[in-house]
């Protein structure tokens, strides 16, 4: 095991096949210290190998301290947010809820947020009249959600969480699926939790972004010597790197089609960066906005025949 992962107690595992299509044919793109980045020949998804095991991922996201030990910019990750302040994150939440508002939903519309973190999305949904529920595997996050936002959520991983027969209008995955070496069981479980006409909201990093294209161009122009930008584009804590096209492939295998989506960019206020890095990151994200190559997507999926 690499010294960095050993010092942090991180648990890595091999990932020999694509998380989306399970294909084993792949192209190695580059090596970044702890892992290689591959592209699936079958569906074009990019993913890393080796990657954090599910247990390793859960332990990493159990607290701000463990996240910050890996990447210092996570130091404010779980403390961030106010449903009454129009931050970029809150605006994305409200925009997504707005897309759902015009769809067929029960009067007492309900949402279940998977891996809800500190509960900010649930707090925003509750503010807009939703019956908001969720789960998170971190005891610290569950306590913070209750104390900071008055949101009560179950302390459990989604894999172990029991729906107890309840059905929801919406199941949401905000920054969840990119952490999974095997996302199909999560999608299938969410599908079983939906009411007729229900929908799944998915948000996460967009691999077809100016950030990734810029970083990859520098890497190849310098014959692999300039890897710093790529290290910002590909992180150990993210396993799968989706685009709108590859996330469609994942959900299509479960009988779900995309209803609508929008592109966005990272809320830099959620992270702690030195001044110079923040200016550079802001410039790169602004370029992505101008070129229509933002580094995040939010998509809504619905059963094909609902």
Foldseek 3Di string as FASTA:
>chain_A
DDPLCVVLVFAWDFQQAAQFPRHRDWAFDADDRPWTWIAHPPQRWIFTTTATDPVRLQVCLQDLVSVCSQPVFSNLQQVDDDCVDPFVVNVVLVVVVVVVVPFDADPQAEEEEAQCRLVRSQLNCVVVRHNYEYEHQHPVSQVNNCVPRVYHYHNDHPVPDDPVPAAHQEYEYEAHQQQDSHCLVVLVVNVVRHDVRHKYKYKDWACQALLNVVQSVVCVVVVNPPNVSVCVSDDSNGTIHHHPSSVQSRVVVVQKHWDDKDADADRSVSTDDPPVVVVVVVVSQVVRVVVVRHTMMMIMITHNPD
